[in-house]
Structure formats: C-alpha cells, structure tokens
Amino acid sequence: MSTFEMEWAQMKREASGDTGMSLASADNKPGWAQGGSGGVKSSKKAWTTAGRSVGKLRGDIKTALTKLEEEQTGLGAGSKSGGIESAAAQRELYSSWKRYLKGVSGKCGAIQDRLERAGDHQYKNDEATKCAFDGLDVLYKDTKPVGGDSRGR
C-alpha cells in the first residue's frame, strides 16, 4: 500500500468517527459538505484551505530562490571572488539547490491544483482523487535521503 493510500485510509477512519473528528466540521454551510463512503464528509473550505497553504509554501520557496540568487552576486563564471578558490564549488552548490527548489516549487503547484480540484468536486470519486495524487509520483520523484546509511540498523 502506497503512502498516499495509507494516509487516505487513516483520514477516512478518523473522519468516520474513530477519533471523533469530522472534516465537515470546518464548514457547516449547506451544500458544501459532501458525504462519501463510510460516512466520511469533506468540505470545499477544507480542501481550498489546504490548497492555499501549499500555494503559500510555493510562494515562500520562490522568495527563498530570489534571495539565494541575490547572494550569488560576484560569483559569476570565471570569478575568483576575491581570491577564494571555493567559488566554483559554491556556484555548483547554488545550481544544485536552485534546481532542487524549482522542482519542489513545481510539485507544490501540482499539489495545490489537485487539492483545489478535489474541493471543487472535479474528481468523480475517491479512486479518481487517489489517481490524481498518485500521478505526482510519476512527475516528481523525491530525492533520496541525505545522511548516514542505516543498513541493518
């Protein structure tokens, strides 16, 4: 079972009353809550709020990228940056982070879109919603963890 499937199943269990949580409680306006299988309800407001939050994260990433780029002044190709020999390594690191953050920003945009579509009930059912999110795995592969290797531990 994929991570999405496990999280989705957990959300359904919680929303069905296992913990007393109801996603529809975020907004009790008539017509906004939609019931699903097992008594699960979701609200447009909850999906939209989640989408906006991911969109804000995307904006924060773009701000960070801009600041990161501003700090690169003087480290252009061929620059000795005041005689510091590590400038080339620093430029390479910057390029790597820039590429990574652009990918994360793109993924945030895709997640935001899917959350908002789910809130607008553009997906026909749970399976369609799951497929939309599973498609993210095809578009965006997460990077491998950084750090020590936990072989056999």
C-alpha atoms as a PDB file:
ATOM      1  CA  MET A   1       0.000   0.000   0.000  1.00  0.00           C
ATOM      2  CA  SER A   2       1.460   3.383  -1.004  1.00  0.00           C
ATOM      3  CA  THR A   3       1.939   6.239   1.419  1.00  0.00           C
ATOM      4  CA  PHE A   4      -0.994   8.107  -0.129  1.00  0.00           C
ATOM      5  CA  GLU A   5      -3.272   5.081   0.291  1.00  0.00           C
ATOM      6  CA  MET A   6      -2.281   4.700   3.952  1.00  0.00           C
ATOM      7  CA  GLU A   7      -2.776   8.401   4.690  1.00  0.00           C
ATOM      8  CA  TRP A   8      -6.092   8.477   2.817  1.00  0.00           C
ATOM      9  CA  ALA A   9      -7.340   5.403   4.716  1.00  0.00           C
ATOM     10  CA  GLN A  10      -6.275   6.978   8.020  1.00  0.00           C
ATOM     11  CA  MET A  11      -8.086  10.230   7.187  1.00  0.00           C
ATOM     12  CA  LYS A  12     -11.223   8.257   6.345  1.00  0.00           C
ATOM     13  CA  ARG A  13     -11.047   6.318   9.626  1.00  0.00           C
ATOM     14  CA  GLU A  14     -10.574   9.487  11.633  1.00  0.00           C
ATOM     15  CA  ALA A  15     -13.327  11.322   9.793  1.00  0.00           C
ATOM     16  CA  SER A  16     -15.762   8.427  10.209  1.00  0.00           C
ATOM     17  CA  GLY A  17     -15.704   8.878  13.953  1.00  0.00           C
ATOM     18  CA  ASP A  18     -12.888   6.672  15.168  1.00  0.00           C
ATOM     19  CA  THR A  19     -11.399   9.729  16.854  1.00  0.00           C
ATOM     20  CA  GLY A  20     -14.487  11.932  16.819  1.00  0.00           C
ATOM     21  CA  MET A  21     -13.031  14.064  14.022  1.00  0.00           C
ATOM     22  CA  SER A  22     -15.260  15.244  11.179  1.00  0.00           C
ATOM     23  CA  LEU A  23     -13.771  17.051   8.216  1.00  0.00           C
ATOM     24  CA  ALA A  24     -17.136  18.679   7.560  1.00  0.00           C
ATOM     25  CA  SER A  25     -16.927  20.474  10.898  1.00  0.00           C
ATOM     26  CA  ALA A  26     -14.602  23.033   9.323  1.00  0.00           C
ATOM     27  CA  ASP A  27     -17.574  24.456   7.447  1.00  0.00           C
ATOM     28  CA  ASN A  28     -21.190  23.586   8.105  1.00  0.00           C
ATOM     29  CA  LYS A  29     -22.644  25.639   5.254  1.00  0.00           C
ATOM     30  CA  PRO A  30     -25.389  23.775   3.412  1.00  0.00           C
ATOM     31  CA  GLY A  31     -24.308  22.297   0.110  1.00  0.00           C
ATOM     32  CA  TRP A  32     -20.597  22.494   0.868  1.00  0.00           C
ATOM     33  CA  ALA A  33     -20.219  19.209   2.680  1.00  0.00           C
ATOM     34  CA  GLN A  34     -20.269  16.085   0.571  1.00  0.00           C
ATOM     35  CA  GLY A  35     -20.658  12.637   2.048  1.00  0.00           C
ATOM     36  CA  GLY A  36     -18.507   9.745   0.931  1.00  0.00           C
ATOM     37  CA  SER A  37     -18.284   6.079   1.777  1.00  0.00           C
ATOM     38  CA  GLY A  38     -18.385   5.148   5.449  1.00  0.00           C
ATOM     39  CA  GLY A  39     -19.961   8.449   6.463  1.00  0.00           C
ATOM     40  CA  VAL A  40     -16.857  10.441   5.507  1.00  0.00           C
ATOM     41  CA  LYS A  41     -17.595  14.063   4.769  1.00  0.00           C
ATOM     42  CA  SER A  42     -15.320  16.730   3.423  1.00  0.00           C
ATOM     43  CA  SER A  43     -15.846  20.375   2.807  1.00  0.00           C
ATOM     44  CA  LYS A  44     -14.797  22.617  -0.028  1.00  0.00           C
ATOM     45  CA  LYS A  45     -13.349  25.004   2.548  1.00  0.00           C
ATOM     46  CA  ALA A  46     -11.012  22.340   3.990  1.00  0.00           C
ATOM     47  CA  TRP A  47      -9.660  21.383   0.542  1.00  0.00           C
ATOM     48  CA  THR A  48      -9.348  25.020  -0.543  1.00  0.00           C
ATOM     49  CA  THR A  49      -7.560  25.991   2.670  1.00  0.00           C
ATOM     50  CA  ALA A  50      -5.106  23.139   2.193  1.00  0.00           C
ATOM     51  CA  GLY A  51      -4.527  24.194  -1.419  1.00  0.00           C
ATOM     52  CA  ARG A  52      -3.906  27.809  -0.424  1.00  0.00           C
ATOM     53  CA  SER A  53      -1.468  26.724   2.277  1.00  0.00           C
ATOM     54  CA  VAL A  54       0.535  24.722  -0.241  1.00  0.00           C
ATOM     55  CA  GLY A  55       0.381  27.725  -2.599  1.00  0.00           C
ATOM     56  CA  LYS A  56       1.799  29.922   0.176  1.00  0.00           C
ATOM     57  CA  LEU A  57       4.620  27.445   0.640  1.00  0.00           C
ATOM     58  CA  ARG A  58       5.314  27.691  -3.074  1.00  0.00           C
ATOM     59  CA  GLY A  59       5.495  31.479  -2.745  1.00  0.00           C
ATOM     60  CA  ASP A  60       7.915  31.140   0.171  1.00  0.00           C
ATOM     61  CA  ILE A  61      10.130  28.870  -1.931  1.00  0.00           C
ATOM     62  CA  LYS A  62      10.165  31.424  -4.751  1.00  0.00           C
ATOM     63  CA  THR A  63      11.120  34.151  -2.256  1.00  0.00           C
ATOM     64  CA  ALA A  64      13.948  31.962  -0.958  1.00  0.00           C
ATOM     65  CA  LEU A  65      15.151  31.327  -4.509  1.00  0.00           C
ATOM     66  CA  THR A  66      15.213  35.069  -5.197  1.00  0.00           C
ATOM     67  CA  LYS A  67      17.230  35.739  -2.035  1.00  0.00           C
ATOM     68  CA  LEU A  68      19.575  32.874  -2.844  1.00  0.00           C
ATOM     69  CA  GLU A  69      20.132  34.306  -6.311  1.00  0.00           C
ATOM     70  CA  GLU A  70      20.790  37.795  -4.915  1.00  0.00           C
ATOM     71  CA  GLU A  71      23.523  36.382  -2.683  1.00  0.00           C
ATOM     72  CA  GLN A  72      25.320  34.957  -5.708  1.00  0.00           C
ATOM     73  CA  THR A  73      26.466  38.414  -6.839  1.00  0.00           C
ATOM     74  CA  GLY A  74      30.166  38.296  -7.597  1.00  0.00           C
ATOM     75  CA  LEU A  75      30.281  34.539  -8.051  1.00  0.00           C
ATOM     76  CA  GLY A  76      29.756  34.528 -11.818  1.00  0.00           C
ATOM     77  CA  ALA A  77      31.564  32.112 -14.091  1.00  0.00           C
ATOM     78  CA  GLY A  78      35.290  32.746 -14.073  1.00  0.00           C
ATOM     79  CA  SER A  79      35.105  34.905 -10.970  1.00  0.00           C
ATOM     80  CA  LYS A  80      37.791  34.424  -8.363  1.00  0.00           C
ATOM     81  CA  SER A  81      35.563  36.157  -5.774  1.00  0.00           C
ATOM     82  CA  GLY A  82      38.394  37.949  -4.104  1.00  0.00           C
ATOM     83  CA  GLY A  83      40.797  35.048  -4.492  1.00  0.00           C
ATOM     84  CA  ILE A  84      38.590  32.434  -2.832  1.00  0.00           C
ATOM     85  CA  GLU A  85      39.153  29.169  -4.677  1.00  0.00           C
ATOM     86  CA  SER A  86      35.952  27.643  -3.378  1.00  0.00           C
ATOM     87  CA  ALA A  87      33.812  29.975  -5.508  1.00  0.00           C
ATOM     88  CA  ALA A  88      33.413  27.313  -8.213  1.00  0.00           C
ATOM     89  CA  ALA A  89      32.233  24.762  -5.655  1.00  0.00           C
ATOM     90  CA  GLN A  90      29.847  27.320  -4.202  1.00  0.00           C
ATOM     91  CA  ARG A  91      28.411  28.071  -7.662  1.00  0.00           C
ATOM     92  CA  GLU A  92      27.889  24.358  -8.231  1.00  0.00           C
ATOM     93  CA  LEU A  93      26.115  24.030  -4.891  1.00  0.00           C
ATOM     94  CA  TYR A  94      23.942  27.026  -5.730  1.00  0.00           C
ATOM     95  CA  SER A  95      22.980  25.487  -9.097  1.00  0.00           C
ATOM     96  CA  SER A  96      22.066  22.229  -7.377  1.00  0.00           C
ATOM     97  CA  TRP A  97      19.866  23.947  -4.773  1.00  0.00           C
ATOM     98  CA  LYS A  98      18.260  26.161  -7.401  1.00  0.00           C
ATOM     99  CA  ARG A  99      17.317  23.103  -9.478  1.00  0.00           C
ATOM    100  CA  TYR A 100      16.018  21.274  -6.378  1.00  0.00           C
ATOM    101  CA  LEU A 101      13.932  24.207  -5.120  1.00  0.00           C
ATOM    102  CA  LYS A 102      12.426  24.789  -8.558  1.00  0.00           C
ATOM    103  CA  GLY A 103      11.352  21.140  -8.543  1.00  0.00           C
ATOM    104  CA  VAL A 104       9.823  21.465  -5.070  1.00  0.00           C
ATOM    105  CA  SER A 105       8.031  24.630  -6.172  1.00  0.00           C
ATOM    106  CA  GLY A 106       6.614  22.813  -9.196  1.00  0.00           C
ATOM    107  CA  LYS A 107       5.442  19.950  -7.017  1.00  0.00           C
ATOM    108  CA  CYS A 108       3.743  22.407  -4.657  1.00  0.00           C
ATOM    109  CA  GLY A 109       1.905  23.898  -7.622  1.00  0.00           C
ATOM    110  CA  ALA A 110       0.740  20.474  -8.746  1.00  0.00           C
ATOM    111  CA  ILE A 111      -0.409  19.550  -5.229  1.00  0.00           C
ATOM    112  CA  GLN A 112      -2.229  22.872  -4.852  1.00  0.00           C
ATOM    113  CA  ASP A 113      -4.061  22.259  -8.125  1.00  0.00           C
ATOM    114  CA  ARG A 114      -5.152  18.763  -7.079  1.00  0.00           C
ATOM    115  CA  LEU A 115      -6.311  19.901  -3.642  1.00  0.00           C
ATOM    116  CA  GLU A 116      -8.389  22.701  -5.115  1.00  0.00           C
ATOM    117  CA  ARG A 117      -9.890  20.381  -7.745  1.00  0.00           C
ATOM    118  CA  ALA A 118     -10.807  17.892  -5.021  1.00  0.00           C
ATOM    119  CA  GLY A 119     -12.523  20.719  -3.119  1.00  0.00           C
ATOM    120  CA  ASP A 120     -14.452  21.711  -6.217  1.00  0.00           C
ATOM    121  CA  HIS A 121     -15.546  18.064  -6.587  1.00  0.00           C
ATOM    122  CA  GLN A 122     -13.957  17.793 -10.016  1.00  0.00           C
ATOM    123  CA  TYR A 123     -12.950  14.214  -9.257  1.00  0.00           C
ATOM    124  CA  LYS A 124     -15.761  11.684  -9.532  1.00  0.00           C
ATOM    125  CA  ASN A 125     -14.875   9.552  -6.509  1.00  0.00           C
ATOM    126  CA  ASP A 126     -12.142   8.501  -4.073  1.00  0.00           C
ATOM    127  CA  GLU A 127     -10.393   6.442  -6.732  1.00  0.00           C
ATOM    128  CA  ALA A 128     -10.220   9.412  -9.119  1.00  0.00           C
ATOM    129  CA  THR A 129      -8.821  11.591  -6.331  1.00  0.00           C
ATOM    130  CA  LYS A 130      -6.251   8.918  -5.474  1.00  0.00           C
ATOM    131  CA  CYS A 131      -5.202   8.595  -9.127  1.00  0.00           C
ATOM    132  CA  ALA A 132      -4.714  12.365  -9.397  1.00  0.00           C
ATOM    133  CA  PHE A 133      -2.361  12.353  -6.417  1.00  0.00           C
ATOM    134  CA  ASP A 134      -0.624   9.132  -7.473  1.00  0.00           C
ATOM    135  CA  GLY A 135       0.225  10.882 -10.734  1.00  0.00           C
ATOM    136  CA  LEU A 136       2.522  13.167  -8.754  1.00  0.00           C
ATOM    137  CA  ASP A 137       4.884  10.235  -8.204  1.00  0.00           C
ATOM    138  CA  VAL A 138       5.353   9.972 -11.954  1.00  0.00           C
ATOM    139  CA  LEU A 139       6.025  13.691 -12.405  1.00  0.00           C
ATOM    140  CA  TYR A 140       8.096  14.323  -9.290  1.00  0.00           C
ATOM    141  CA  LYS A 141      10.487  11.778  -7.851  1.00  0.00           C
ATOM    142  CA  ASP A 142      11.577  12.609  -4.325  1.00  0.00           C
ATOM    143  CA  THR A 143      15.268  12.817  -3.708  1.00  0.00           C
ATOM    144  CA  LYS A 144      16.969  10.098  -1.728  1.00  0.00           C
ATOM    145  CA  PRO A 145      17.532  10.875   1.961  1.00  0.00           C
ATOM    146  CA  VAL A 146      20.751  12.660   2.788  1.00  0.00           C
ATOM    147  CA  GLY A 147      22.967  11.448   5.604  1.00  0.00           C
ATOM    148  CA  GLY A 148      24.090   8.167   7.039  1.00  0.00           C
ATOM    149  CA  ASP A 149      23.053   4.821   5.711  1.00  0.00           C
ATOM    150  CA  SER A 150      21.034   2.751   8.161  1.00  0.00           C
ATOM    151  CA  ARG A 151      21.997  -0.647   6.767  1.00  0.00           C
ATOM    152  CA  GLY A 152      20.859  -3.350   9.117  1.00  0.00           C
ATOM    153  CA  ARG A 153      20.131  -0.953  11.959  1.00  0.00           C
END
